[in-house]
Amino acid sequence: MNRKTLVLPAVAGLLTPVLAACGGSSSGGKSGDAIVVGTTDRFIASSDAPAPVDPAYAYDVGSWNILRQTVQTLMAQPRGDGEPQPEAAESCGFTDTGNERYACKLRKDLKFSNGDPVTAADVKYSIDRARALKADSGVFALLSTIDTIETQGDNEVIFHLKTADATFPFKLSTPVAGIVNPKDYEKNKLRDGFDVDGSGPYTMQAEVKNNELVKATFTKNPNYKGLLTPKNDKVVLESFPDAAAMGSALEKGDIDVMTRTMDPDQIRKLQNDTSGNVNLVEMPGLEIRYLAFNTDAPTVKNKAVRQAMAQVINRGELVAKVYGTEAEPLFSLVPATITGHSNSFFNKYGNPSVGKARTLLSKAGITTPVKLTLHYTTDHYGPATAKEFEVLKQQLNASGLFDVTVQGTPWDKFRPAEKKGEYDVYGMGWFPDFPDADNYLAPFLDKDNTLGSPYANPEIINTLIPQSRREADRLTASKSLTDMQDIVADDVPILPLWQGKQYVATRDDITGSEYAMNSSSTLQLWELGRGVGS
């Protein structure tokens, strides 16, 4: 098959998907008529995280991708991104000039998958439950601007906010605001395991081995009423131990779609192979990677150490050696394609300089070399992470100012240890909850931040975050957003490294692949259909 490209209309200033035909055989997935989708996301229930898919707990892209298929929210991000639109709601909107009162009216005859009616009281119960449980994942912080929730009859919900929040409609599109049945979800306790019930487009049946979800079968929910139109009756999401195993399954025809996370070498191979029946879709991506610091840890408590690392690390070299054209250097927590982005780290540190880093440490009275361990997760962000941290170690050690070792840990152990403050320096990724600069700043810098970081800047928390949220026009909020980014560049509680593109590979008879993921890495399984191979 000859290479072909499919360019969709530009949306919200983001890059457009590009589809290229690549090598592969023509056989389809082997689960009957179901479309089989592969992922390297792992879903593990443990003593530290016993409820990985409870909407009041889940706060990683993999778990959210399960919830978005099954648990309905009042609002949803439409195909191609853009402003959120009513989903379980018939209509939603601010009813005052100060953006502090937000009212939603539910769709008529809305039902949970078991046939129970969905009422305004269920919406209030679900969101109040997440706020009250305050799970240690930190996801409840997305609802922090809510003061009280009021219901009027069975179909109207009114949110009274503590302060103006122009991003609130986006927050109601995230799974933590998912509507659950009080019969299935206790008020004061998380729901352990992998059972999920809601009113979303699919129901889910989980296949679990050794406390790990290895396969999720999504079946079209006949009771669903909402914004989305599923183009299939059944989708199977299968978890693979690594990208190589997932790629092999695609080649054999055991799966129809390969999603996150692919190896950079796999992507380049598919890009260069134009002879077969697998399509590689390049999509706009808002994923970022960064180093985070426990700012109370003795090794990095002095910000001169963190600043020196920011001065030494060469992002361009890092990206070139590990990710090639699949990523770009990032000089702020906010990606370059998001309104309000500022190159704050480049403005402060310029090009990498060992001399400037040495001066920073010398003025602070820091003895060199500074001994550090960089921690990373071995199985959550893709197989290239290990190589990335080797390059970071080499750069820091080559300066003579640091004595760095690296240590990799599986995600189910890594994330609990990070939240407990056991790591001084560690690598993380962020897939936005919604495409707004606020969601790259507040989750890390506000009270109850998602990292459990001790870093707290009063100006950011008390002035700049509330100030930026008052502006419905996000361009008008740029001054507050830039000020926050400048403070981060000076204090370095987090050190941004790169932002990446995202890719989906599909067999040639699969339709809708260009919409299989949005820019926030949300799997939109309802967009996939089975057509005729080229």
Protein backbone atom coordinates (compact mmCIF):
# COMPACT_ATOMS: atom_id res chain seq x y z
CA MET A 1 0.00 0.00 0.00
CA ASN A 2 1.26 3.46 -0.83
CA ARG A 3 1.83 5.96 1.94
CA LYS A 4 -1.16 8.19 2.49
CA THR A 5 -1.87 11.09 4.78
CA LEU A 6 -5.14 12.21 6.28
CA VAL A 7 -5.23 15.78 7.55
CA LEU A 8 -8.23 16.87 9.61
CA PRO A 9 -9.28 20.48 10.24
CA ALA A 10 -7.09 22.18 12.85
CA VAL A 11 -8.73 22.27 16.26
CA ALA A 12 -7.99 24.66 19.12
CA GLY A 13 -4.57 25.55 17.71
CA LEU A 14 -3.28 22.00 18.12
CA LEU A 15 -1.48 19.83 15.60
CA THR A 16 -3.65 17.71 13.31
CA PRO A 17 -3.54 13.91 13.10
CA VAL A 18 -1.44 12.44 10.31
CA LEU A 19 -2.17 8.92 9.10
CA ALA A 20 0.39 6.84 7.23
CA ALA A 21 0.02 3.32 5.85
CA CYS A 22 2.62 0.91 7.20
CA GLY A 23 3.64 -2.73 7.13
CA GLY A 24 1.66 -5.66 8.50
CA SER A 25 -0.57 -8.57 7.57
CA SER A 26 -4.27 -8.22 6.77
CA SER A 27 -5.77 -10.51 9.39
CA GLY A 28 -7.90 -8.89 12.11
CA GLY A 29 -8.18 -9.37 15.85
CA LYS A 30 -9.10 -12.78 17.22
CA SER A 31 -11.93 -11.96 19.64
CA GLY A 32 -14.90 -12.49 17.34
CA ASP A 33 -16.46 -9.24 16.20
CA ALA A 34 -14.96 -7.26 19.07
CA ILE A 35 -12.30 -4.69 18.23
CA VAL A 36 -9.22 -5.59 20.28
CA VAL A 37 -7.07 -2.71 21.56
CA GLY A 38 -3.63 -3.17 23.10
CA THR A 39 -2.05 -1.01 25.80
CA THR A 40 0.99 -1.23 28.05
CA ASP A 41 -0.91 0.45 30.88
CA ARG A 42 -1.03 -1.83 33.90
CA PHE A 43 -3.92 -1.99 36.35
CA ILE A 44 -2.93 -3.47 39.71
CA ALA A 45 -4.90 -3.62 42.96
CA SER A 46 -2.59 -3.60 45.98
CA SER A 47 -2.64 -2.80 49.67
CA ASP A 48 -1.41 0.71 48.79
CA ALA A 49 -3.95 1.14 45.97
CA PRO A 50 -6.85 -1.29 46.51
CA ALA A 51 -9.39 0.71 44.45
CA PRO A 52 -7.61 1.58 41.18
CA VAL A 53 -10.79 2.27 39.16
CA ASP A 54 -12.99 3.98 41.72
CA PRO A 55 -13.72 7.48 40.30
CA ALA A 56 -12.99 8.93 43.75
CA TYR A 57 -9.48 7.43 43.66
CA ALA A 58 -8.27 6.90 40.08
CA TYR A 59 -5.83 9.55 38.86
CA ASP A 60 -3.70 8.15 36.07
CA VAL A 61 -4.37 8.07 32.36
CA GLY A 62 -4.83 4.29 32.19
CA SER A 63 -7.49 4.08 34.89
CA TRP A 64 -9.24 7.17 33.56
CA ASN A 65 -9.41 5.51 30.14
CA ILE A 66 -11.42 2.69 31.72
CA LEU A 67 -13.71 5.11 33.52
CA ARG A 68 -14.36 7.31 30.49
CA GLN A 69 -15.93 4.32 28.70
CA THR A 70 -18.16 3.34 31.61
CA VAL A 71 -18.91 6.21 34.00
CA GLN A 72 -20.75 9.22 32.65
CA THR A 73 -19.96 12.83 33.50
CA LEU A 74 -22.13 15.93 33.22
CA MET A 75 -19.80 17.36 30.59
CA ALA A 76 -17.45 15.75 28.07
CA GLN A 77 -14.70 16.92 25.76
CA PRO A 78 -15.94 16.57 22.18
CA ARG A 79 -14.21 14.85 19.29
CA GLY A 80 -11.18 16.90 18.35
CA ASP A 81 -10.98 18.70 21.72
CA GLY A 82 -12.42 22.19 22.14
CA GLU A 83 -14.77 23.43 24.85
CA PRO A 84 -16.57 20.72 26.87
CA GLN A 85 -20.15 19.92 25.88
CA PRO A 86 -23.09 18.51 27.86
CA GLU A 87 -22.93 14.72 28.20
CA ALA A 88 -25.14 13.35 31.00
CA ALA A 89 -26.45 16.89 31.15
CA GLU A 90 -28.86 18.36 28.65
CA SER A 91 -27.46 21.81 29.38
CA CYS A 92 -24.93 23.41 31.73
CA GLY A 93 -23.70 26.93 32.26
CA PHE A 94 -22.74 29.72 34.63
CA THR A 95 -25.83 31.59 35.80
CA ASP A 96 -24.06 34.63 37.28
CA THR A 97 -21.59 37.20 36.01
CA GLY A 98 -18.91 36.15 38.51
CA ASN A 99 -18.53 32.52 37.37
CA GLU A 100 -19.41 31.26 40.85
CA ARG A 101 -22.79 29.57 40.24
CA TYR A 102 -22.93 26.73 37.73
CA ALA A 103 -26.19 24.93 36.94
CA CYS A 104 -26.79 21.70 34.99
CA LYS A 105 -30.03 20.08 33.86
CA LEU A 106 -29.90 16.32 33.30
CA ARG A 107 -31.07 14.58 30.13
CA LYS A 108 -34.53 13.07 30.39
CA ASP A 109 -34.86 9.37 31.26
CA LEU A 110 -31.16 8.98 32.04
CA LYS A 111 -30.41 5.51 33.43
CA PHE A 112 -27.55 3.54 34.93
CA SER A 113 -26.61 0.42 33.00
CA ASN A 114 -28.75 -1.71 35.38
CA GLY A 115 -31.84 0.35 34.54
CA ASP A 116 -31.96 2.48 37.70
CA PRO A 117 -32.79 6.15 36.98
CA VAL A 118 -29.99 8.70 37.27
CA THR A 119 -31.12 11.67 39.35
CA ALA A 120 -29.69 14.97 40.46
CA ALA A 121 -29.31 13.42 43.92
CA ASP A 122 -27.00 10.77 42.40
CA VAL A 123 -24.84 13.48 40.86
CA LYS A 124 -24.58 15.30 44.17
CA TYR A 125 -23.85 12.03 46.01
CA SER A 126 -21.09 11.07 43.57
CA ILE A 127 -19.23 14.38 43.64
CA ASP A 128 -19.68 14.95 47.38
CA ARG A 129 -18.38 11.41 47.93
CA ALA A 130 -15.15 12.09 46.05
CA ARG A 131 -14.67 15.37 47.90
CA ALA A 132 -15.24 13.76 51.29
CA LEU A 133 -13.10 10.65 50.76
CA LYS A 134 -10.05 12.79 49.88
CA ALA A 135 -8.18 9.82 48.41
CA ASP A 136 -4.41 9.98 48.66
CA SER A 137 -4.15 10.08 44.86
CA GLY A 138 -5.07 13.75 45.21
CA VAL A 139 -7.75 13.60 42.49
CA PHE A 140 -10.29 15.29 44.79
CA ALA A 141 -8.34 18.53 44.40
CA LEU A 142 -9.93 18.95 40.96
CA LEU A 143 -13.16 19.67 42.84
CA SER A 144 -11.58 22.08 45.32
CA THR A 145 -13.43 25.18 44.13
CA ILE A 146 -16.82 23.66 44.99
CA ASP A 147 -18.40 25.09 48.13
CA THR A 148 -21.79 23.36 48.14
CA ILE A 149 -23.94 21.36 45.72
CA GLU A 150 -27.69 21.97 45.55
CA THR A 151 -30.38 19.92 43.78
CA GLN A 152 -33.71 21.17 42.51
CA GLY A 153 -36.06 18.29 41.76
CA ASP A 154 -34.69 15.16 40.11
CA ASN A 155 -33.09 16.85 37.11
CA GLU A 156 -31.24 20.00 38.17
CA VAL A 157 -27.89 20.32 39.94
CA ILE A 158 -26.44 23.65 41.04
CA PHE A 159 -22.80 24.09 42.04
CA HIS A 160 -21.97 27.02 44.32
CA LEU A 161 -18.26 27.75 44.02
CA LYS A 162 -15.94 29.24 46.65
CA THR A 163 -14.34 31.43 44.04
CA ALA A 164 -14.66 32.11 40.31
CA ASP A 165 -13.43 29.19 38.23
CA ALA A 166 -13.60 29.49 34.45
CA THR A 167 -12.13 25.97 34.16
CA PHE A 168 -14.99 24.35 36.10
CA PRO A 169 -16.83 22.98 33.01
CA PHE A 170 -13.63 21.10 32.12
CA LYS A 171 -13.41 19.66 35.62
CA LEU A 172 -16.95 18.30 35.33
CA SER A 173 -15.75 16.35 32.28
CA THR A 174 -13.15 14.41 34.29
CA PRO A 175 -13.80 10.97 35.84
CA VAL A 176 -13.59 12.23 39.43
CA ALA A 177 -16.92 13.94 38.64
CA GLY A 178 -18.31 10.67 37.28
CA ILE A 179 -21.86 9.77 38.29
CA VAL A 180 -22.09 6.53 40.30
CA ASN A 181 -25.00 4.59 41.75
CA PRO A 182 -25.14 4.83 45.56
CA LYS A 183 -26.14 1.16 45.56
CA ASP A 184 -22.70 0.24 44.15
CA TYR A 185 -20.43 2.83 45.79
CA GLU A 186 -20.44 3.30 49.56
CA LYS A 187 -20.38 6.85 50.83
CA ASN A 188 -17.44 6.51 53.21
CA LYS A 189 -15.37 3.77 51.55
CA LEU A 190 -13.59 3.29 48.25
CA ARG A 191 -14.77 0.43 46.05
CA ASP A 192 -11.94 -2.11 46.00
CA GLY A 193 -11.00 -4.15 42.96
CA PHE A 194 -11.97 -3.68 39.32
CA ASP A 195 -15.78 -3.59 39.30
CA VAL A 196 -17.11 -0.50 37.52
CA ASP A 197 -20.75 0.52 37.12
CA GLY A 198 -22.16 3.68 35.63
CA SER A 199 -24.30 5.16 32.88
CA GLY A 200 -21.58 5.56 30.23
CA PRO A 201 -21.54 4.20 26.67
CA TYR A 202 -20.24 0.77 27.76
CA THR A 203 -20.46 -1.75 30.54
CA MET A 204 -17.23 -3.52 31.51
CA GLN A 205 -16.34 -7.09 32.36
CA ALA A 206 -12.91 -7.46 33.96
CA GLU A 207 -10.55 -10.41 33.59
CA VAL A 208 -8.25 -10.37 36.60
CA LYS A 209 -5.15 -12.45 37.35
CA ASN A 210 -3.10 -12.07 40.53
CA ASN A 211 -4.84 -8.79 41.43
CA GLU A 212 -4.08 -7.35 38.00
CA LEU A 213 -6.60 -6.44 35.31
CA VAL A 214 -5.28 -8.11 32.17
CA LYS A 215 -8.30 -7.70 29.91
CA ALA A 216 -11.38 -5.46 29.98
CA THR A 217 -14.34 -6.22 27.72
CA PHE A 218 -16.50 -3.19 26.98
CA THR A 219 -20.00 -3.95 25.71
CA LYS A 220 -22.33 -1.28 24.36
CA ASN A 221 -24.72 -0.08 27.06
CA PRO A 222 -28.32 -0.24 25.73
CA ASN A 223 -29.45 2.26 28.39
CA TYR A 224 -26.89 4.92 27.43
CA LYS A 225 -28.11 8.41 26.54
CA GLY A 226 -25.56 11.12 25.92
CA LEU A 227 -23.32 13.06 23.59
CA LEU A 228 -21.40 10.06 22.22
CA THR A 229 -22.36 7.68 19.42
CA PRO A 230 -20.55 4.32 19.74
CA LYS A 231 -19.56 2.93 16.35
CA ASN A 232 -19.10 -0.61 17.65
CA ASP A 233 -20.88 -3.06 19.93
CA LYS A 234 -17.86 -4.41 21.75
CA VAL A 235 -14.22 -3.48 22.42
CA VAL A 236 -11.62 -5.51 24.30
CA LEU A 237 -8.78 -3.61 26.00
CA GLU A 238 -5.83 -5.92 26.61
CA SER A 239 -2.88 -5.03 28.82
CA PHE A 240 0.59 -6.13 27.66
CA PRO A 241 3.77 -6.33 29.75
CA ASP A 242 5.75 -4.21 27.28
CA ALA A 243 5.69 -2.55 23.86
CA ALA A 244 7.45 -5.46 22.17
CA ALA A 245 4.73 -7.92 23.22
CA MET A 246 2.04 -5.48 22.10
CA GLY A 247 3.72 -4.96 18.73
CA SER A 248 4.05 -8.71 18.20
CA ALA A 249 0.33 -9.14 18.90
CA LEU A 250 -0.49 -6.52 16.25
CA GLU A 251 1.74 -8.24 13.70
CA LYS A 252 0.09 -11.61 14.39
CA GLY A 253 -3.39 -10.16 14.14
CA ASP A 254 -4.23 -10.87 17.78
CA ILE A 255 -5.13 -7.22 18.28
CA ASP A 256 -6.53 -4.57 15.93
CA VAL A 257 -5.20 -1.41 17.56
CA MET A 258 -1.96 -0.55 19.35
CA THR A 259 -2.05 2.46 21.68
CA ARG A 260 0.17 3.87 24.37
CA THR A 261 2.92 3.34 24.94
CA MET A 262 4.96 2.38 21.90
CA ASP A 263 8.74 2.23 21.76
CA PRO A 264 10.38 5.04 19.70
CA ASP A 265 12.00 2.36 17.51
CA GLN A 266 8.58 0.82 16.82
CA ILE A 267 7.23 4.20 15.78
CA ARG A 268 10.14 4.87 13.42
CA LYS A 269 9.83 1.39 11.90
CA LEU A 270 6.13 1.88 11.23
CA GLN A 271 6.75 5.35 9.81
CA ASN A 272 9.31 4.00 7.33
CA ASP A 273 7.43 0.86 6.25
CA THR A 274 4.89 1.76 3.54
CA SER A 275 4.18 -1.69 2.16
CA GLY A 276 1.52 -3.26 4.35
CA ASN A 277 -1.85 -2.98 6.04
CA VAL A 278 -1.21 -1.22 9.35
CA ASN A 279 -1.89 2.51 9.67
CA LEU A 280 0.16 4.66 12.01
CA VAL A 281 -1.66 7.77 13.20
CA GLU A 282 0.34 10.65 14.61
CA MET A 283 -1.81 12.77 16.91
CA PRO A 284 -1.44 16.05 18.77
CA GLY A 285 -0.08 15.30 22.22
CA LEU A 286 -0.05 17.27 25.44
CA GLU A 287 1.95 14.76 27.50
CA ILE A 288 4.88 16.18 29.43
CA ARG A 289 7.73 14.59 31.40
CA TYR A 290 9.53 16.17 34.32
CA LEU A 291 11.72 15.63 37.34
CA ALA A 292 10.05 16.30 40.69
CA PHE A 293 11.77 17.06 44.00
CA ASN A 294 10.95 16.37 47.61
CA THR A 295 11.92 19.89 48.62
CA ASP A 296 12.20 18.85 52.29
CA ALA A 297 14.84 16.18 51.52
CA PRO A 298 18.33 17.23 52.74
CA THR A 299 19.99 16.49 49.38
CA VAL A 300 17.79 18.91 47.40
CA LYS A 301 16.33 21.19 50.09
CA ASN A 302 18.63 24.02 49.04
CA LYS A 303 17.17 25.33 45.81
CA ALA A 304 20.68 26.01 44.48
CA VAL A 305 21.03 22.24 43.93
CA ARG A 306 17.79 22.16 41.95
CA GLN A 307 18.77 25.27 40.02
CA ALA A 308 22.16 23.77 39.17
CA MET A 309 20.44 20.68 37.76
CA ALA A 310 18.23 22.96 35.65
CA GLN A 311 21.38 24.73 34.46
CA VAL A 312 23.22 21.52 33.49
CA ILE A 313 20.55 19.32 31.88
CA ASN A 314 20.56 19.51 28.09
CA ARG A 315 17.00 18.86 26.95
CA GLY A 316 17.84 18.98 23.24
CA GLU A 317 20.47 16.26 23.60
CA LEU A 318 18.15 14.19 25.80
CA VAL A 319 15.33 14.27 23.26
CA ALA A 320 17.64 13.62 20.29
CA LYS A 321 19.29 10.59 21.90
CA VAL A 322 16.13 8.96 23.24
CA TYR A 323 12.99 10.13 21.43
CA GLY A 324 14.05 11.77 18.18
CA THR A 325 11.20 13.52 16.38
CA GLU A 326 8.61 12.02 18.76
CA ALA A 327 9.27 14.69 21.42
CA GLU A 328 10.37 18.30 21.85
CA PRO A 329 12.34 20.03 24.63
CA LEU A 330 10.09 21.70 27.20
CA PHE A 331 11.08 24.81 29.16
CA SER A 332 7.94 25.19 31.27
CA LEU A 333 5.31 23.03 32.94
CA VAL A 334 2.85 24.33 30.32
CA PRO A 335 3.31 22.85 26.83
CA ALA A 336 4.08 25.15 23.93
CA THR A 337 0.69 24.55 22.25
CA ILE A 338 -1.35 25.68 25.29
CA THR A 339 -2.51 29.29 25.74
CA GLY A 340 -0.47 30.87 28.53
CA HIS A 341 2.77 28.97 27.82
CA SER A 342 6.02 30.75 28.66
CA ASN A 343 9.60 29.52 28.15
CA SER A 344 10.40 30.43 31.76
CA PHE A 345 13.24 27.96 32.28
CA PHE A 346 15.04 29.01 29.10
CA ASN A 347 14.52 32.67 29.98
CA LYS A 348 16.20 32.10 33.36
CA TYR A 349 18.92 29.55 32.53
CA GLY A 350 19.54 29.88 28.79
CA ASN A 351 21.70 27.17 27.26
CA PRO A 352 23.24 24.46 29.47
CA SER A 353 26.30 25.75 31.31
CA VAL A 354 28.48 23.88 33.79
CA GLY A 355 30.19 27.14 34.73
CA LYS A 356 26.94 28.84 35.72
CA ALA A 357 25.85 25.73 37.65
CA ARG A 358 29.16 25.66 39.54
CA THR A 359 28.70 29.32 40.49
CA LEU A 360 25.18 28.63 41.80
CA LEU A 361 26.44 25.82 44.04
CA SER A 362 29.52 27.73 45.18
CA LYS A 363 27.51 30.80 46.23
CA ALA A 364 25.18 28.56 48.24
CA GLY A 365 28.12 26.84 49.96
CA ILE A 366 27.22 23.42 48.50
CA THR A 367 30.04 20.86 48.51
CA THR A 368 30.44 19.03 45.20
CA PRO A 369 29.88 16.51 43.82
CA VAL A 370 26.30 16.34 45.12
CA LYS A 371 25.25 12.70 45.56
CA LEU A 372 21.76 11.96 44.25
CA THR A 373 19.61 9.01 43.17
CA LEU A 374 17.19 9.64 40.32
CA HIS A 375 14.17 7.34 40.59
CA TYR A 376 11.97 6.34 37.66
CA THR A 377 9.19 3.86 36.96
CA THR A 378 10.08 0.92 34.73
CA ASP A 379 6.66 0.07 33.32
CA HIS A 380 4.37 3.09 33.21
CA TYR A 381 5.71 5.55 30.64
CA GLY A 382 7.19 3.20 28.09
CA PRO A 383 10.44 1.30 27.57
CA ALA A 384 12.47 4.39 26.63
CA THR A 385 12.30 5.75 30.20
CA ALA A 386 15.32 3.71 31.34
CA LYS A 387 17.45 5.12 28.51
CA GLU A 388 16.19 8.63 29.29
CA PHE A 389 17.44 8.38 32.87
CA GLU A 390 20.78 7.00 31.77
CA VAL A 391 21.24 10.08 29.58
CA LEU A 392 20.25 12.36 32.49
CA LYS A 393 22.77 10.59 34.73
CA GLN A 394 25.52 10.97 32.13
CA GLN A 395 24.81 14.69 31.67
CA LEU A 396 24.82 15.44 35.40
CA ASN A 397 27.89 13.32 36.18
CA ALA A 398 29.84 14.72 33.21
CA SER A 399 29.57 18.16 34.82
CA GLY A 400 31.66 16.98 37.77
CA LEU A 401 29.14 18.69 40.04
CA PHE A 402 26.97 15.64 40.70
CA ASP A 403 27.44 12.00 41.57
CA VAL A 404 24.20 10.47 40.29
CA THR A 405 22.85 6.93 40.28
CA VAL A 406 19.51 5.85 38.84
CA GLN A 407 17.00 3.34 40.15
CA GLY A 408 13.96 1.92 38.37
CA THR A 409 10.87 0.57 40.15
CA PRO A 410 7.56 -0.88 38.86
CA TRP A 411 4.67 1.58 38.98
CA ASP A 412 2.66 -0.27 41.64
CA LYS A 413 5.59 0.21 44.05
CA PHE A 414 6.92 3.48 42.62
CA ARG A 415 3.78 5.59 42.97
CA PRO A 416 3.06 4.74 46.66
CA ALA A 417 6.73 5.35 47.56
CA GLU A 418 6.69 8.69 45.77
CA LYS A 419 3.51 9.79 47.57
CA LYS A 420 5.07 8.86 50.91
CA GLY A 421 8.05 11.13 50.19
CA GLU A 422 10.58 8.29 49.95
CA TYR A 423 12.28 9.70 46.84
CA ASP A 424 14.35 12.90 46.80
CA VAL A 425 14.31 13.19 43.00
CA TYR A 426 12.03 11.23 40.71
CA GLY A 427 10.69 11.23 37.17
CA MET A 428 7.01 11.57 36.36
CA GLY A 429 4.78 12.20 33.38
CA TRP A 430 1.59 14.22 33.13
CA PHE A 431 -1.32 13.71 30.80
CA PRO A 432 -3.65 16.67 31.28
CA ASP A 433 -7.09 16.28 32.81
CA PHE A 434 -8.17 18.97 30.34
CA PRO A 435 -6.27 21.15 27.84
CA ASP A 436 -5.82 24.36 29.84
CA ALA A 437 -2.69 25.89 31.40
CA ASP A 438 -4.36 25.73 34.84
CA ASN A 439 -4.17 21.94 34.67
CA TYR A 440 -0.38 22.01 34.27
CA LEU A 441 0.09 24.32 37.24
CA ALA A 442 -2.57 23.93 39.94
CA PRO A 443 -2.27 20.11 40.31
CA PHE A 444 1.41 20.55 41.25
CA LEU A 445 1.36 23.90 43.03
CA ASP A 446 -1.98 24.24 44.82
CA LYS A 447 -2.98 22.83 48.19
CA ASP A 448 -3.34 19.02 48.21
CA ASN A 449 -1.10 18.75 45.13
CA THR A 450 -1.10 15.45 43.28
CA LEU A 451 2.55 14.69 44.08
CA GLY A 452 2.17 15.14 47.82
CA SER A 453 5.01 17.64 47.51
CA PRO A 454 5.84 19.80 50.54
CA TYR A 455 6.53 22.75 48.24
CA ALA A 456 4.05 25.59 48.81
CA ASN A 457 4.32 29.14 47.49
CA PRO A 458 1.76 31.49 49.13
CA GLU A 459 1.67 33.89 46.19
CA ILE A 460 0.81 31.07 43.79
CA ILE A 461 -1.78 29.45 46.08
CA ASN A 462 -3.50 32.54 47.46
CA THR A 463 -3.23 35.00 44.57
CA LEU A 464 -2.13 33.71 41.19
CA ILE A 465 -4.20 30.51 40.86
CA PRO A 466 -7.47 32.20 41.94
CA GLN A 467 -6.63 35.21 39.78
CA SER A 468 -6.07 33.11 36.66
CA ARG A 469 -9.32 31.18 37.18
CA ARG A 470 -11.39 34.35 37.21
CA GLU A 471 -10.60 34.93 33.54
CA ALA A 472 -12.95 33.18 31.11
CA ASP A 473 -10.74 34.50 28.30
CA ARG A 474 -7.58 32.45 28.83
CA LEU A 475 -5.46 34.99 26.95
CA THR A 476 -6.40 37.51 29.63
CA ALA A 477 -5.17 35.05 32.26
CA SER A 478 -1.70 34.87 30.69
CA LYS A 479 -0.09 37.35 33.10
CA SER A 480 -1.00 35.27 36.17
CA LEU A 481 -0.05 32.04 34.37
CA THR A 482 3.33 33.46 33.31
CA ASP A 483 4.08 34.68 36.83
CA MET A 484 3.49 31.15 38.16
CA GLN A 485 5.81 29.65 35.55
CA ASP A 486 8.51 32.19 36.39
CA ILE A 487 8.29 31.31 40.10
CA VAL A 488 8.61 27.61 39.27
CA ALA A 489 11.70 28.33 37.15
CA ASP A 490 13.28 30.15 40.09
CA ASP A 491 12.34 27.71 42.87
CA VAL A 492 12.51 24.52 40.74
CA PRO A 493 10.19 22.26 42.74
CA ILE A 494 9.67 20.60 39.35
CA LEU A 495 12.02 20.51 36.37
CA PRO A 496 10.23 20.11 33.00
CA LEU A 497 12.08 18.03 30.40
CA TRP A 498 10.03 17.40 27.25
CA GLN A 499 6.61 17.23 25.66
CA GLY A 500 5.66 14.39 23.34
CA LYS A 501 3.50 13.45 20.41
CA GLN A 502 1.27 10.39 20.59
CA TYR A 503 0.64 7.54 18.20
CA VAL A 504 -1.94 4.86 17.46
CA ALA A 505 -1.35 1.94 15.09
CA THR A 506 -4.38 0.18 13.62
CA ARG A 507 -5.08 -2.60 11.18
CA ASP A 508 -6.34 -1.39 7.83
CA ASP A 509 -9.97 -2.46 8.35
CA ILE A 510 -10.37 -0.31 11.47
CA THR A 511 -12.14 3.01 11.01
CA GLY A 512 -12.05 6.07 13.27
CA SER A 513 -8.40 5.60 14.21
CA GLU A 514 -7.69 9.32 13.81
CA TYR A 515 -10.08 9.96 16.72
CA ALA A 516 -9.08 6.98 18.87
CA MET A 517 -7.23 9.31 21.27
CA ASN A 518 -7.60 12.99 21.93
CA SER A 519 -4.78 15.38 22.82
CA SER A 520 -5.11 14.51 26.52
CA SER A 521 -4.46 10.82 25.72
CA THR A 522 -8.08 9.91 26.39
CA LEU A 523 -9.00 6.65 24.67
CA GLN A 524 -12.20 7.24 22.71
CA LEU A 525 -13.08 3.61 22.03
CA TRP A 526 -16.55 4.61 20.85
CA GLU A 527 -14.96 6.14 17.73
CA LEU A 528 -13.58 2.80 16.49
CA GLY A 529 -15.43 0.74 13.89
CA ARG A 530 -14.67 -2.17 11.61
CA GLY A 531 -14.81 -1.43 7.88
CA VAL A 532 -13.20 -2.81 4.75
CA GLY A 533 -9.42 -3.08 4.39
CA SER A 534 -7.75 -1.07 1.64
